[in-house]
Amino acid sequence: MNHPAVFNIKGMSCKSCVGRVEKALTAVTGVEQVQVDLAAKTATVTGTASESDLLNAIQQAGYQASQTA
């Protein structure tokens, strides 16, 4: 993944949720930058991590996620 990957995230309702998602994604090997948007309920990730690892990290943090087209 060289281009930014954008994920729709269900279940985020507050800044604490944003922090949990950011922490989970940042911990994935290969992640360079994470931007979580509470209003849009999305996370944009850049780096070399696999999309499946990123989805798994979001799910392990307690949220449902899907990649945008």
C-alpha atoms as a PDB file:
ATOM      1  CA  MET A   1       0.000   0.000   0.000  1.00  0.00           C
ATOM      2  CA  ASN A   2       1.809   3.118  -1.192  1.00  0.00           C
ATOM      3  CA  HIS A   3      -1.225   5.317  -1.654  1.00  0.00           C
ATOM      4  CA  PRO A   4      -3.424   6.338   1.284  1.00  0.00           C
ATOM      5  CA  ALA A   5      -6.033   3.758   2.278  1.00  0.00           C
ATOM      6  CA  VAL A   6      -9.363   5.075   3.522  1.00  0.00           C
ATOM      7  CA  PHE A   7     -11.604   3.038   5.802  1.00  0.00           C
ATOM      8  CA  ASN A   8     -15.204   3.639   6.871  1.00  0.00           C
ATOM      9  CA  ILE A   9     -15.533   2.978  10.594  1.00  0.00           C
ATOM     10  CA  LYS A  10     -18.771   2.157  12.392  1.00  0.00           C
ATOM     11  CA  GLY A  11     -19.168   2.660  16.110  1.00  0.00           C
ATOM     12  CA  MET A  12     -17.086   5.804  16.684  1.00  0.00           C
ATOM     13  CA  SER A  13     -19.040   8.325  18.731  1.00  0.00           C
ATOM     14  CA  CYS A  14     -16.521  10.507  20.585  1.00  0.00           C
ATOM     15  CA  LYS A  15     -12.928  11.744  20.742  1.00  0.00           C
ATOM     16  CA  SER A  16     -11.994   8.760  22.912  1.00  0.00           C
ATOM     17  CA  CYS A  17     -13.090   6.484  20.070  1.00  0.00           C
ATOM     18  CA  VAL A  18     -10.878   8.442  17.669  1.00  0.00           C
ATOM     19  CA  GLY A  19      -7.949   7.994  20.044  1.00  0.00           C
ATOM     20  CA  ARG A  20      -8.500   4.236  20.299  1.00  0.00           C
ATOM     21  CA  VAL A  21      -8.649   3.840  16.520  1.00  0.00           C
ATOM     22  CA  GLU A  22      -5.563   6.027  16.006  1.00  0.00           C
ATOM     23  CA  LYS A  23      -3.617   4.079  18.630  1.00  0.00           C
ATOM     24  CA  ALA A  24      -4.618   0.727  17.130  1.00  0.00           C
ATOM     25  CA  LEU A  25      -3.661   1.760  13.592  1.00  0.00           C
ATOM     26  CA  THR A  26      -0.409   3.438  14.616  1.00  0.00           C
ATOM     27  CA  ALA A  27       0.673   0.187  16.294  1.00  0.00           C
ATOM     28  CA  VAL A  28       0.508  -1.726  12.981  1.00  0.00           C
ATOM     29  CA  THR A  29       3.940  -2.324  11.465  1.00  0.00           C
ATOM     30  CA  GLY A  30       4.452  -0.210   8.350  1.00  0.00           C
ATOM     31  CA  VAL A  31       2.017   2.581   9.221  1.00  0.00           C
ATOM     32  CA  GLU A  32       3.534   6.005   8.600  1.00  0.00           C
ATOM     33  CA  GLN A  33       0.594   8.326   9.213  1.00  0.00           C
ATOM     34  CA  VAL A  34      -2.975   8.020  10.501  1.00  0.00           C
ATOM     35  CA  GLN A  35      -5.775  10.568  10.293  1.00  0.00           C
ATOM     36  CA  VAL A  36      -9.128   9.707  11.867  1.00  0.00           C
ATOM     37  CA  ASP A  37     -12.143  11.916  11.112  1.00  0.00           C
ATOM     38  CA  LEU A  38     -14.945  11.538  13.660  1.00  0.00           C
ATOM     39  CA  ALA A  39     -17.468  13.562  11.633  1.00  0.00           C
ATOM     40  CA  ALA A  40     -16.915  11.521   8.473  1.00  0.00           C
ATOM     41  CA  LYS A  41     -16.325   8.306  10.462  1.00  0.00           C
ATOM     42  CA  THR A  42     -13.258   7.497   8.383  1.00  0.00           C
ATOM     43  CA  ALA A  43      -9.604   6.710   8.909  1.00  0.00           C
ATOM     44  CA  THR A  44      -6.957   7.532   6.316  1.00  0.00           C
ATOM     45  CA  VAL A  45      -3.717   5.580   6.611  1.00  0.00           C
ATOM     46  CA  THR A  46      -0.445   5.915   4.698  1.00  0.00           C
ATOM     47  CA  GLY A  47       2.458   3.510   4.797  1.00  0.00           C
ATOM     48  CA  THR A  48       3.309  -0.024   3.777  1.00  0.00           C
ATOM     49  CA  ALA A  49       0.979  -1.987   6.100  1.00  0.00           C
ATOM     50  CA  SER A  50      -1.409  -4.456   4.480  1.00  0.00           C
ATOM     51  CA  GLU A  51      -5.051  -3.497   4.286  1.00  0.00           C
ATOM     52  CA  SER A  52      -6.041  -6.716   6.056  1.00  0.00           C
ATOM     53  CA  ASP A  53      -3.737  -5.876   8.988  1.00  0.00           C
ATOM     54  CA  LEU A  54      -5.285  -2.422   9.223  1.00  0.00           C
ATOM     55  CA  LEU A  55      -8.846  -3.779   9.140  1.00  0.00           C
ATOM     56  CA  ASN A  56      -7.920  -6.318  11.796  1.00  0.00           C
ATOM     57  CA  ALA A  57      -6.445  -3.598  14.034  1.00  0.00           C
ATOM     58  CA  ILE A  58      -9.634  -1.540  13.798  1.00  0.00           C
ATOM     59  CA  GLN A  59     -11.769  -4.584  14.598  1.00  0.00           C
ATOM     60  CA  GLN A  60      -9.523  -5.544  17.530  1.00  0.00           C
ATOM     61  CA  ALA A  61     -10.082  -2.023  18.904  1.00  0.00           C
ATOM     62  CA  GLY A  62     -13.816  -2.769  18.959  1.00  0.00           C
ATOM     63  CA  TYR A  63     -15.074  -1.109  15.789  1.00  0.00           C
ATOM     64  CA  GLN A  64     -16.422  -2.312  12.462  1.00  0.00           C
ATOM     65  CA  ALA A  65     -14.555  -1.186   9.388  1.00  0.00           C
ATOM     66  CA  SER A  66     -14.636  -1.490   5.622  1.00  0.00           C
ATOM     67  CA  GLN A  67     -12.377  -0.049   2.992  1.00  0.00           C
ATOM     68  CA  THR A  68     -13.793   2.644   0.743  1.00  0.00           C
ATOM     69  CA  ALA A  69     -13.693   2.101  -2.992  1.00  0.00           C
END
